[in-house]
C-alpha atoms as a PDB file:
ATOM      1  CA  MET A   1      10.265  13.284 -30.600  1.00  0.00           C
ATOM      2  CA  SER A   2       7.023  14.642 -30.326  1.00  0.00           C
ATOM      3  CA  VAL A   3       6.159  17.615 -32.629  1.00  0.00           C
ATOM      4  CA  LYS A   4       3.049  19.662 -32.935  1.00  0.00           C
ATOM      5  CA  LEU A   5       2.972  22.652 -35.251  1.00  0.00           C
ATOM      6  CA  THR A   6       0.182  25.502 -35.049  1.00  0.00           C
ATOM      7  CA  PHE A   7      -0.117  27.985 -38.158  1.00  0.00           C
ATOM      8  CA  LEU A   8      -0.214  31.698 -36.470  1.00  0.00           C
ATOM      9  CA  GLY A   9      -0.847  33.388 -39.841  1.00  0.00           C
ATOM     10  CA  THR A  10      -1.086  32.025 -43.161  1.00  0.00           C
ATOM     11  CA  GLY A  11      -1.496  35.271 -45.346  1.00  0.00           C
ATOM     12  CA  THR A  12       1.109  37.341 -47.844  1.00  0.00           C
ATOM     13  CA  SER A  13       2.900  40.162 -46.618  1.00  0.00           C
ATOM     14  CA  GLN A  14      -0.222  42.340 -46.851  1.00  0.00           C
ATOM     15  CA  GLY A  15      -2.361  39.655 -44.801  1.00  0.00           C
ATOM     16  CA  VAL A  16      -5.819  38.982 -45.739  1.00  0.00           C
ATOM     17  CA  PRO A  17      -7.982  41.016 -45.880  1.00  0.00           C
ATOM     18  CA  ILE A  18      -5.811  43.651 -47.669  1.00  0.00           C
ATOM     19  CA  ILE A  19      -6.445  46.948 -46.514  1.00  0.00           C
ATOM     20  CA  ALA A  20      -9.465  48.655 -48.578  1.00  0.00           C
ATOM     21  CA  CYS A  21      -9.825  45.692 -50.876  1.00  0.00           C
ATOM     22  CA  GLN A  22     -13.455  45.018 -51.587  1.00  0.00           C
ATOM     23  CA  CYS A  23     -12.918  41.750 -53.214  1.00  0.00           C
ATOM     24  CA  ARG A  24     -14.966  39.038 -52.334  1.00  0.00           C
ATOM     25  CA  VAL A  25     -12.397  36.987 -50.269  1.00  0.00           C
ATOM     26  CA  CYS A  26     -11.268  40.083 -48.351  1.00  0.00           C
ATOM     27  CA  GLN A  27     -14.836  40.760 -47.636  1.00  0.00           C
ATOM     28  CA  SER A  28     -15.486  37.170 -46.764  1.00  0.00           C
ATOM     29  CA  ALA A  29     -17.164  36.777 -43.140  1.00  0.00           C
ATOM     30  CA  GLN A  30     -15.479  33.315 -42.666  1.00  0.00           C
ATOM     31  CA  GLU A  31     -12.747  33.163 -40.112  1.00  0.00           C
ATOM     32  CA  LYS A  32     -10.958  30.933 -42.574  1.00  0.00           C
ATOM     33  CA  ASP A  33     -10.560  33.616 -45.186  1.00  0.00           C
ATOM     34  CA  LYS A  34      -8.901  35.942 -42.299  1.00  0.00           C
ATOM     35  CA  ARG A  35      -5.281  35.712 -42.375  1.00  0.00           C
ATOM     36  CA  TYR A  36      -2.188  37.287 -40.329  1.00  0.00           C
ATOM     37  CA  ARG A  37       1.042  37.401 -41.657  1.00  0.00           C
ATOM     38  CA  ALA A  38       3.139  33.829 -42.243  1.00  0.00           C
ATOM     39  CA  SER A  39       4.101  32.484 -38.871  1.00  0.00           C
ATOM     40  CA  ALA A  40       4.221  29.207 -36.972  1.00  0.00           C
ATOM     41  CA  PHE A  41       4.445  28.022 -33.630  1.00  0.00           C
ATOM     42  CA  VAL A  42       5.981  24.582 -32.978  1.00  0.00           C
ATOM     43  CA  GLN A  43       5.734  22.479 -29.600  1.00  0.00           C
ATOM     44  CA  MET A  44       8.706  20.062 -29.433  1.00  0.00           C
ATOM     45  CA  ASP A  45       9.596  17.565 -26.602  1.00  0.00           C
ATOM     46  CA  GLY A  46       8.593  20.440 -24.041  1.00  0.00           C
ATOM     47  CA  LEU A  47      10.061  23.595 -26.167  1.00  0.00           C
ATOM     48  CA  ASN A  48       8.016  26.341 -27.494  1.00  0.00           C
ATOM     49  CA  ILE A  49       9.462  27.747 -30.854  1.00  0.00           C
ATOM     50  CA  LEU A  50       8.180  30.372 -33.014  1.00  0.00           C
ATOM     51  CA  ILE A  51       8.957  30.719 -36.733  1.00  0.00           C
ATOM     52  CA  ASP A  52       9.199  34.124 -37.748  1.00  0.00           C
ATOM     53  CA  ALA A  53       7.735  37.288 -35.787  1.00  0.00           C
ATOM     54  CA  GLY A  54       6.122  39.583 -38.206  1.00  0.00           C
ATOM     55  CA  PRO A  55       4.075  42.854 -37.743  1.00  0.00           C
ATOM     56  CA  ASP A  56       1.195  40.400 -36.144  1.00  0.00           C
ATOM     57  CA  PHE A  57       3.331  38.909 -33.735  1.00  0.00           C
ATOM     58  CA  ARG A  58       1.106  40.505 -30.787  1.00  0.00           C
ATOM     59  CA  SER A  59      -2.102  39.937 -31.849  1.00  0.00           C
ATOM     60  CA  GLN A  60      -0.814  36.078 -32.711  1.00  0.00           C
ATOM     61  CA  MET A  61       0.713  35.442 -29.142  1.00  0.00           C
ATOM     62  CA  LEU A  62      -2.548  37.041 -27.559  1.00  0.00           C
ATOM     63  CA  ARG A  63      -4.991  35.130 -29.822  1.00  0.00           C
ATOM     64  CA  GLN A  64      -3.245  31.594 -29.070  1.00  0.00           C
ATOM     65  CA  ASP A  65      -2.438  32.710 -25.278  1.00  0.00           C
ATOM     66  CA  ILE A  66       1.241  31.649 -25.879  1.00  0.00           C
ATOM     67  CA  ARG A  67       2.917  32.459 -22.621  1.00  0.00           C
ATOM     68  CA  HIS A  68       6.430  31.407 -23.129  1.00  0.00           C
ATOM     69  CA  LEU A  69       8.975  31.041 -25.910  1.00  0.00           C
ATOM     70  CA  ASP A  70      12.202  29.029 -25.699  1.00  0.00           C
ATOM     71  CA  ALA A  71      13.289  30.241 -29.122  1.00  0.00           C
ATOM     72  CA  ILE A  72      12.487  32.279 -32.404  1.00  0.00           C
ATOM     73  CA  LEU A  73      13.583  31.020 -35.654  1.00  0.00           C
ATOM     74  CA  LEU A  74      13.852  33.334 -38.669  1.00  0.00           C
ATOM     75  CA  THR A  75      13.556  32.278 -42.184  1.00  0.00           C
ATOM     76  CA  HIS A  76      14.757  35.253 -43.790  1.00  0.00           C
ATOM     77  CA  ASN A  77      15.154  39.261 -43.004  1.00  0.00           C
ATOM     78  CA  HIS A  78      12.137  40.693 -44.778  1.00  0.00           C
ATOM     79  CA  LYS A  79       9.736  42.857 -42.811  1.00  0.00           C
ATOM     80  CA  ASP A  80       6.629  40.613 -42.637  1.00  0.00           C
ATOM     81  CA  HIS A  81       8.775  38.049 -40.820  1.00  0.00           C
ATOM     82  CA  THR A  82      11.106  40.105 -38.561  1.00  0.00           C
ATOM     83  CA  GLY A  83       8.579  43.425 -38.064  1.00  0.00           C
ATOM     84  CA  GLY A  84       7.287  42.077 -34.408  1.00  0.00           C
ATOM     85  CA  LEU A  85      10.435  41.226 -32.715  1.00  0.00           C
ATOM     86  CA  ASP A  86      10.215  44.291 -30.498  1.00  0.00           C
ATOM     87  CA  ASP A  87       7.281  43.067 -28.858  1.00  0.00           C
ATOM     88  CA  VAL A  88       9.480  40.321 -27.262  1.00  0.00           C
ATOM     89  CA  ARG A  89       9.755  43.058 -24.363  1.00  0.00           C
ATOM     90  CA  SER A  90       6.853  41.324 -22.657  1.00  0.00           C
ATOM     91  CA  TYR A  91       8.311  37.936 -22.646  1.00  0.00           C
ATOM     92  CA  ASN A  92      11.490  39.632 -21.420  1.00  0.00           C
ATOM     93  CA  TYR A  93       9.668  41.175 -18.351  1.00  0.00           C
ATOM     94  CA  ILE A  94       7.574  37.980 -17.571  1.00  0.00           C
ATOM     95  CA  ASP A  95       9.981  35.359 -18.083  1.00  0.00           C
ATOM     96  CA  ARG A  96      12.856  37.233 -16.870  1.00  0.00           C
ATOM     97  CA  LYS A  97      15.170  35.824 -19.782  1.00  0.00           C
ATOM     98  CA  ALA A  98      16.508  37.340 -23.234  1.00  0.00           C
ATOM     99  CA  ALA A  99      14.721  36.194 -26.129  1.00  0.00           C
ATOM    100  CA  GLU A 100      16.765  33.419 -27.874  1.00  0.00           C
ATOM    101  CA  ILE A 101      16.984  34.162 -31.708  1.00  0.00           C
ATOM    102  CA  PHE A 102      18.171  31.796 -34.391  1.00  0.00           C
ATOM    103  CA  CYS A 103      19.117  33.306 -37.826  1.00  0.00           C
ATOM    104  CA  GLU A 104      21.701  33.545 -40.480  1.00  0.00           C
ATOM    105  CA  GLU A 105      24.421  36.138 -40.422  1.00  0.00           C
ATOM    106  CA  LYS A 106      22.913  38.298 -43.186  1.00  0.00           C
ATOM    107  CA  VAL A 107      19.765  38.071 -40.997  1.00  0.00           C
ATOM    108  CA  LEU A 108      21.597  39.462 -38.257  1.00  0.00           C
ATOM    109  CA  LYS A 109      23.173  42.309 -40.332  1.00  0.00           C
ATOM    110  CA  THR A 110      19.288  43.473 -40.855  1.00  0.00           C
ATOM    111  CA  LEU A 111      18.405  43.249 -37.346  1.00  0.00           C
ATOM    112  CA  ARG A 112      21.302  45.398 -36.145  1.00  0.00           C
ATOM    113  CA  ASN A 113      20.184  48.206 -38.666  1.00  0.00           C
ATOM    114  CA  ASP A 114      16.198  47.924 -38.055  1.00  0.00           C
ATOM    115  CA  TYR A 115      16.676  47.587 -34.399  1.00  0.00           C
ATOM    116  CA  ALA A 116      20.203  49.395 -33.656  1.00  0.00           C
ATOM    117  CA  TYR A 117      18.603  50.693 -30.312  1.00  0.00           C
ATOM    118  CA  ALA A 118      18.773  46.917 -29.157  1.00  0.00           C
ATOM    119  CA  PHE A 119      22.311  46.529 -29.758  1.00  0.00           C
ATOM    120  CA  ALA A 120      23.357  50.049 -28.663  1.00  0.00           C
ATOM    121  CA  GLU A 121      26.491  49.958 -26.217  1.00  0.00           C
ATOM    122  CA  HIS A 122      23.921  52.241 -23.738  1.00  0.00           C
ATOM    123  CA  LYS A 123      20.416  50.670 -24.338  1.00  0.00           C
ATOM    124  CA  TYR A 124      17.223  52.823 -23.960  1.00  0.00           C
ATOM    125  CA  PRO A 125      15.768  51.123 -20.506  1.00  0.00           C
ATOM    126  CA  GLY A 126      13.306  48.554 -21.992  1.00  0.00           C
ATOM    127  CA  ALA A 127      14.876  47.861 -25.215  1.00  0.00           C
ATOM    128  CA  PRO A 128      14.038  44.077 -26.192  1.00  0.00           C
ATOM    129  CA  GLU A 129      16.656  41.906 -24.752  1.00  0.00           C
ATOM    130  CA  TRP A 130      17.929  39.132 -27.516  1.00  0.00           C
ATOM    131  CA  HIS A 131      20.476  36.408 -27.616  1.00  0.00           C
ATOM    132  CA  VAL A 132      21.402  35.750 -31.261  1.00  0.00           C
ATOM    133  CA  HIS A 133      22.481  32.360 -32.275  1.00  0.00           C
ATOM    134  CA  LEU A 134      23.925  31.962 -35.672  1.00  0.00           C
ATOM    135  CA  ILE A 135      22.686  29.243 -37.852  1.00  0.00           C
ATOM    136  CA  ASP A 136      23.674  28.160 -41.429  1.00  0.00           C
ATOM    137  CA  GLU A 137      22.667  24.895 -43.469  1.00  0.00           C
ATOM    138  CA  ARG A 138      24.000  22.574 -40.885  1.00  0.00           C
ATOM    139  CA  PRO A 139      21.540  20.934 -38.431  1.00  0.00           C
ATOM    140  CA  PHE A 140      21.466  22.644 -34.888  1.00  0.00           C
ATOM    141  CA  ARG A 141      19.963  22.368 -31.406  1.00  0.00           C
ATOM    142  CA  VAL A 142      17.294  24.575 -29.696  1.00  0.00           C
ATOM    143  CA  ASP A 143      17.520  24.417 -25.622  1.00  0.00           C
ATOM    144  CA  SER A 144      15.346  25.362 -22.985  1.00  0.00           C
ATOM    145  CA  LEU A 145      15.700  28.788 -21.280  1.00  0.00           C
ATOM    146  CA  GLN A 146      16.039  27.452 -17.967  1.00  0.00           C
ATOM    147  CA  ASN A 147      19.965  27.342 -17.959  1.00  0.00           C
ATOM    148  CA  THR A 148      20.068  31.128 -19.078  1.00  0.00           C
ATOM    149  CA  GLY A 149      20.756  33.735 -16.879  1.00  0.00           C
ATOM    150  CA  GLU A 150      17.984  35.631 -15.202  1.00  0.00           C
ATOM    151  CA  LEU A 151      17.327  39.334 -15.914  1.00  0.00           C
ATOM    152  CA  GLU A 152      16.478  41.858 -13.221  1.00  0.00           C
ATOM    153  CA  TRP A 153      14.565  44.963 -13.861  1.00  0.00           C
ATOM    154  CA  VAL A 154      15.972  48.425 -12.379  1.00  0.00           C
ATOM    155  CA  HIS A 155      13.681  51.078 -12.676  1.00  0.00           C
ATOM    156  CA  ASP A 156      14.740  53.595 -15.254  1.00  0.00           C
ATOM    157  CA  LYS A 157      18.060  51.907 -15.975  1.00  0.00           C
ATOM    158  CA  GLY A 158      16.820  48.735 -17.686  1.00  0.00           C
ATOM    159  CA  TYR A 159      17.948  44.914 -17.385  1.00  0.00           C
ATOM    160  CA  PHE A 160      20.836  43.494 -15.520  1.00  0.00           C
ATOM    161  CA  TYR A 161      22.056  40.154 -14.400  1.00  0.00           C
ATOM    162  CA  ARG A 162      22.356  39.458 -10.691  1.00  0.00           C
ATOM    163  CA  GLN A 163      25.901  37.926  -9.708  1.00  0.00           C
ATOM    164  CA  ALA A 164      26.645  35.701  -7.165  1.00  0.00           C
ATOM    165  CA  ASP A 165      28.366  38.509  -4.842  1.00  0.00           C
ATOM    166  CA  GLY A 166      24.997  40.671  -5.263  1.00  0.00           C
ATOM    167  CA  SER A 167      26.489  43.127  -8.011  1.00  0.00           C
ATOM    168  CA  LEU A 168      24.509  43.925 -11.498  1.00  0.00           C
ATOM    169  CA  LEU A 169      25.964  43.134 -14.475  1.00  0.00           C
ATOM    170  CA  PRO A 170      24.445  45.145 -17.382  1.00  0.00           C
ATOM    171  CA  SER A 171      22.807  42.868 -20.150  1.00  0.00           C
ATOM    172  CA  ASP A 172      24.109  42.630 -23.653  1.00  0.00           C
ATOM    173  CA  ASN A 173      22.636  41.116 -26.623  1.00  0.00           C
ATOM    174  CA  ALA A 174      25.015  38.627 -26.969  1.00  0.00           C
ATOM    175  CA  VAL A 175      25.761  36.856 -30.542  1.00  0.00           C
ATOM    176  CA  THR A 176      26.752  33.289 -30.617  1.00  0.00           C
ATOM    177  CA  GLU A 177      26.954  30.369 -33.085  1.00  0.00           C
ATOM    178  CA  ALA A 178      24.253  27.990 -32.304  1.00  0.00           C
ATOM    179  CA  PRO A 179      25.176  24.387 -31.193  1.00  0.00           C
ATOM    180  CA  HIS A 180      25.124  21.547 -33.204  1.00  0.00           C
ATOM    181  CA  GLU A 181      25.533  18.887 -31.089  1.00  0.00           C
ATOM    182  CA  ALA A 182      22.423  16.653 -30.366  1.00  0.00           C
ATOM    183  CA  ALA A 183      20.766  18.791 -33.097  1.00  0.00           C
ATOM    184  CA  ASN A 184      16.867  18.912 -33.181  1.00  0.00           C
ATOM    185  CA  VAL A 185      16.133  21.023 -36.055  1.00  0.00           C
ATOM    186  CA  ILE A 186      17.155  20.636 -39.892  1.00  0.00           C
ATOM    187  CA  PRO A 187      17.309  23.710 -41.997  1.00  0.00           C
ATOM    188  CA  ILE A 188      16.097  23.377 -45.501  1.00  0.00           C
ATOM    189  CA  ARG A 189      17.641  25.993 -47.988  1.00  0.00           C
ATOM    190  CA  GLY A 190      15.549  27.345 -50.670  1.00  0.00           C
ATOM    191  CA  PHE A 191      15.645  30.936 -52.506  1.00  0.00           C
ATOM    192  CA  HIS A 192      13.127  33.902 -52.658  1.00  0.00           C
ATOM    193  CA  ASP A 193      13.925  35.242 -55.834  1.00  0.00           C
ATOM    194  CA  GLN A 194      17.690  35.419 -55.597  1.00  0.00           C
ATOM    195  CA  MET A 195      17.829  35.521 -51.948  1.00  0.00           C
ATOM    196  CA  PRO A 196      18.821  32.466 -49.831  1.00  0.00           C
ATOM    197  CA  VAL A 197      16.164  31.722 -47.347  1.00  0.00           C
ATOM    198  CA  LEU A 198      15.736  28.727 -44.675  1.00  0.00           C
ATOM    199  CA  GLY A 199      12.906  26.289 -43.879  1.00  0.00           C
ATOM    200  CA  PHE A 200      13.108  24.040 -41.041  1.00  0.00           C
ATOM    201  CA  ARG A 201      12.194  20.559 -40.331  1.00  0.00           C
ATOM    202  CA  PHE A 202      11.055  19.335 -36.771  1.00  0.00           C
ATOM    203  CA  GLY A 203      10.681  15.413 -36.813  1.00  0.00           C
ATOM    204  CA  ASN A 204       8.314  14.635 -39.563  1.00  0.00           C
ATOM    205  CA  ILE A 205       7.127  18.346 -40.001  1.00  0.00           C
ATOM    206  CA  ALA A 206       8.724  20.613 -42.380  1.00  0.00           C
ATOM    207  CA  TYR A 207       7.685  24.340 -42.719  1.00  0.00           C
ATOM    208  CA  LEU A 208       8.928  26.150 -45.860  1.00  0.00           C
ATOM    209  CA  THR A 209       7.954  29.282 -46.787  1.00  0.00           C
ATOM    210  CA  ASP A 210       8.798  32.393 -49.327  1.00  0.00           C
ATOM    211  CA  LEU A 211      10.258  29.987 -51.749  1.00  0.00           C
ATOM    212  CA  SER A 212      10.601  30.321 -55.410  1.00  0.00           C
ATOM    213  CA  SER A 213      12.996  27.609 -55.873  1.00  0.00           C
ATOM    214  CA  LEU A 214      14.064  24.496 -53.914  1.00  0.00           C
ATOM    215  CA  PRO A 215      17.319  22.831 -55.017  1.00  0.00           C
ATOM    216  CA  ASP A 216      17.061  19.154 -55.856  1.00  0.00           C
ATOM    217  CA  SER A 217      20.022  18.496 -53.056  1.00  0.00           C
ATOM    218  CA  GLU A 218      17.434  19.879 -50.338  1.00  0.00           C
ATOM    219  CA  LEU A 219      15.093  16.745 -51.173  1.00  0.00           C
ATOM    220  CA  PRO A 220      16.582  13.968 -49.270  1.00  0.00           C
ATOM    221  CA  LYS A 221      16.224  16.298 -46.000  1.00  0.00           C
ATOM    222  CA  LEU A 222      12.481  15.945 -46.829  1.00  0.00           C
ATOM    223  CA  GLU A 223      11.972  12.213 -47.161  1.00  0.00           C
ATOM    224  CA  GLY A 224       9.472  10.497 -44.822  1.00  0.00           C
ATOM    225  CA  LEU A 225       7.611  13.458 -43.983  1.00  0.00           C
ATOM    226  CA  GLU A 226       3.795  13.327 -42.468  1.00  0.00           C
ATOM    227  CA  HIS A 227       3.334  17.151 -43.121  1.00  0.00           C
ATOM    228  CA  LEU A 228       5.009  19.598 -45.600  1.00  0.00           C
ATOM    229  CA  THR A 229       3.974  23.315 -45.549  1.00  0.00           C
ATOM    230  CA  LEU A 230       4.830  25.443 -48.881  1.00  0.00           C
ATOM    231  CA  ASN A 231       4.010  28.709 -49.544  1.00  0.00           C
ATOM    232  CA  THR A 232       1.963  30.129 -52.614  1.00  0.00           C
ATOM    233  CA  VAL A 233       0.723  33.462 -53.490  1.00  0.00           C
ATOM    234  CA  GLY A 234      -1.311  33.126 -56.887  1.00  0.00           C
ATOM    235  CA  TYR A 235      -2.144  31.156 -59.979  1.00  0.00           C
ATOM    236  CA  TYR A 236       0.767  32.934 -62.277  1.00  0.00           C
ATOM    237  CA  PRO A 237       4.573  32.817 -62.032  1.00  0.00           C
ATOM    238  CA  HIS A 238       5.744  35.289 -59.437  1.00  0.00           C
ATOM    239  CA  HIS A 239       9.584  36.182 -58.967  1.00  0.00           C
ATOM    240  CA  SER A 240       9.803  35.408 -55.454  1.00  0.00           C
ATOM    241  CA  HIS A 241       7.122  32.766 -54.751  1.00  0.00           C
ATOM    242  CA  PHE A 242       5.922  29.566 -56.109  1.00  0.00           C
ATOM    243  CA  SER A 243       2.859  29.701 -58.046  1.00  0.00           C
ATOM    244  CA  LEU A 244       0.168  27.342 -57.022  1.00  0.00           C
ATOM    245  CA  TYR A 245       1.284  24.941 -60.003  1.00  0.00           C
ATOM    246  CA  GLN A 246       4.992  25.030 -58.840  1.00  0.00           C
ATOM    247  CA  ALA A 247       3.948  24.436 -55.276  1.00  0.00           C
ATOM    248  CA  LEU A 248       1.690  21.467 -56.377  1.00  0.00           C
ATOM    249  CA  ASP A 249       4.957  20.037 -58.445  1.00  0.00           C
ATOM    250  CA  VAL A 250       7.280  20.419 -55.197  1.00  0.00           C
ATOM    251  CA  ALA A 251       4.485  18.498 -53.358  1.00  0.00           C
ATOM    252  CA  HIS A 252       4.276  15.722 -55.903  1.00  0.00           C
ATOM    253  CA  ARG A 253       8.458  15.617 -55.623  1.00  0.00           C
ATOM    254  CA  VAL A 254       8.583  15.595 -51.860  1.00  0.00           C
ATOM    255  CA  GLY A 255       5.669  13.157 -51.474  1.00  0.00           C
ATOM    256  CA  ALA A 256       4.590  13.723 -47.936  1.00  0.00           C
ATOM    257  CA  ARG A 257       1.341  12.518 -46.498  1.00  0.00           C
ATOM    258  CA  HIS A 258      -0.268  15.890 -46.026  1.00  0.00           C
ATOM    259  CA  THR A 259       0.824  19.382 -47.850  1.00  0.00           C
ATOM    260  CA  TRP A 260      -0.480  22.678 -46.293  1.00  0.00           C
ATOM    261  CA  LEU A 261      -0.590  25.774 -48.361  1.00  0.00           C
ATOM    262  CA  THR A 262       0.562  29.145 -46.496  1.00  0.00           C
ATOM    263  CA  HIS A 263       1.543  32.562 -47.472  1.00  0.00           C
ATOM    264  CA  LEU A 264      -1.899  32.837 -49.295  1.00  0.00           C
ATOM    265  CA  SER A 265      -3.192  35.870 -51.191  1.00  0.00           C
ATOM    266  CA  HIS A 266      -6.591  37.047 -51.976  1.00  0.00           C
ATOM    267  CA  ALA A 267      -5.815  35.805 -55.425  1.00  0.00           C
ATOM    268  CA  PHE A 268      -7.274  32.480 -54.407  1.00  0.00           C
ATOM    269  CA  PRO A 269     -11.020  31.750 -54.018  1.00  0.00           C
ATOM    270  CA  PRO A 270     -12.558  31.549 -50.783  1.00  0.00           C
ATOM    271  CA  HIS A 271     -11.470  28.638 -48.343  1.00  0.00           C
ATOM    272  CA  GLU A 272     -14.047  25.989 -48.830  1.00  0.00           C
ATOM    273  CA  GLU A 273     -13.785  26.785 -52.979  1.00  0.00           C
ATOM    274  CA  PHE A 274     -10.165  26.337 -52.701  1.00  0.00           C
ATOM    275  CA  CYS A 275     -10.414  23.095 -50.900  1.00  0.00           C
ATOM    276  CA  GLU A 276     -12.311  21.829 -53.676  1.00  0.00           C
ATOM    277  CA  GLU A 277     -10.154  23.086 -56.742  1.00  0.00           C
ATOM    278  CA  LEU A 278      -7.143  21.550 -55.004  1.00  0.00           C
ATOM    279  CA  ARG A 279      -8.889  17.828 -54.816  1.00  0.00           C
ATOM    280  CA  GLN A 280      -9.663  18.518 -58.573  1.00  0.00           C
ATOM    281  CA  LEU A 281      -5.962  19.763 -59.349  1.00  0.00           C
ATOM    282  CA  CYS A 282      -4.409  16.868 -57.449  1.00  0.00           C
ATOM    283  CA  ARG A 283      -6.842  14.123 -59.300  1.00  0.00           C
ATOM    284  CA  GLU A 284      -5.888  15.791 -62.465  1.00  0.00           C
ATOM    285  CA  ARG A 285      -1.841  15.748 -61.614  1.00  0.00           C
ATOM    286  CA  GLY A 286      -1.834  12.527 -59.996  1.00  0.00           C
ATOM    287  CA  ILE A 287      -0.782  13.967 -56.688  1.00  0.00           C
ATOM    288  CA  HIS A 288      -1.140  11.451 -53.982  1.00  0.00           C
ATOM    289  CA  SER A 289      -0.292  14.230 -51.037  1.00  0.00           C
ATOM    290  CA  ASP A 290      -3.477  15.439 -49.275  1.00  0.00           C
ATOM    291  CA  VAL A 291      -2.976  19.212 -50.507  1.00  0.00           C
ATOM    292  CA  GLN A 292      -5.015  21.527 -48.455  1.00  0.00           C
ATOM    293  CA  PRO A 293      -4.839  25.354 -47.612  1.00  0.00           C
ATOM    294  CA  ALA A 294      -3.761  26.029 -44.095  1.00  0.00           C
ATOM    295  CA  TRP A 295      -5.678  28.377 -42.011  1.00  0.00           C
ATOM    296  CA  ASP A 296      -4.594  30.595 -38.980  1.00  0.00           C
ATOM    297  CA  GLY A 297      -5.155  28.512 -35.912  1.00  0.00           C
ATOM    298  CA  LEU A 298      -4.776  25.184 -37.834  1.00  0.00           C
ATOM    299  CA  THR A 299      -2.537  22.582 -35.720  1.00  0.00           C
ATOM    300  CA  ILE A 300      -1.161  19.567 -37.131  1.00  0.00           C
ATOM    301  CA  CYS A 301       0.842  16.570 -35.427  1.00  0.00           C
ATOM    302  CA  GLU A 302       3.110  14.073 -36.556  1.00  0.00           C
END
């Protein structure tokens, strides 16, 4: 399995810089201190997989020149991770395919509420086209879109599927269970305060965000990692995110060769200072994992 992960966004729910903030991080001219909302792009055995589609989705796709997506995996239902899903309309039109979204049942419930127009029986022409695949803690499979039906746009009417007899069948945002045979994604259960959320392992790369706790029972799923991604928003305890010191403790417990910190706030110093601080903290705590802050555009490989 060949896996490459690119960080599309490494900031908190407000991003960095924060609107109107005059702190030295938000005013920094360094590119590594400018952070979109947390998201990642995984390339695995010819598949293009997006993890979370927040409010910066459009800008992230344009900046990285991502022209095709096979799947969108959602970690949980907060707006900074789902707020850009309407913009898959561009892929619908270019690829002539529905977007394949993988999420838990509770996340689907939120999508039905936030994007009711996408699930309506008689959809507004041009509403986003999705196929939703329900997942849980079991490993599941992500496939290529090549074998899915092709959408055909009819002016002022919306998308349809052309049938063998030439007739047009109205599209629908189908909901099915994700396939588990020949699984290529391993979900990792964590908690965002009291909310269950999912991280994902692809080969020897694991991406975990928006966690405040990680059960010991999940640690075996993280053995032998080359790269681990963890979230942290600041130095002090937080009800729904790891503090820096909690994230370092998890990094030590998992023991990946490299640990990358994401979902970072302006509470941390500018990038280069933060790198030096992390080196010192790891020496003091006997952490052998190479711990660094991730930045937008960083690409890691197995």
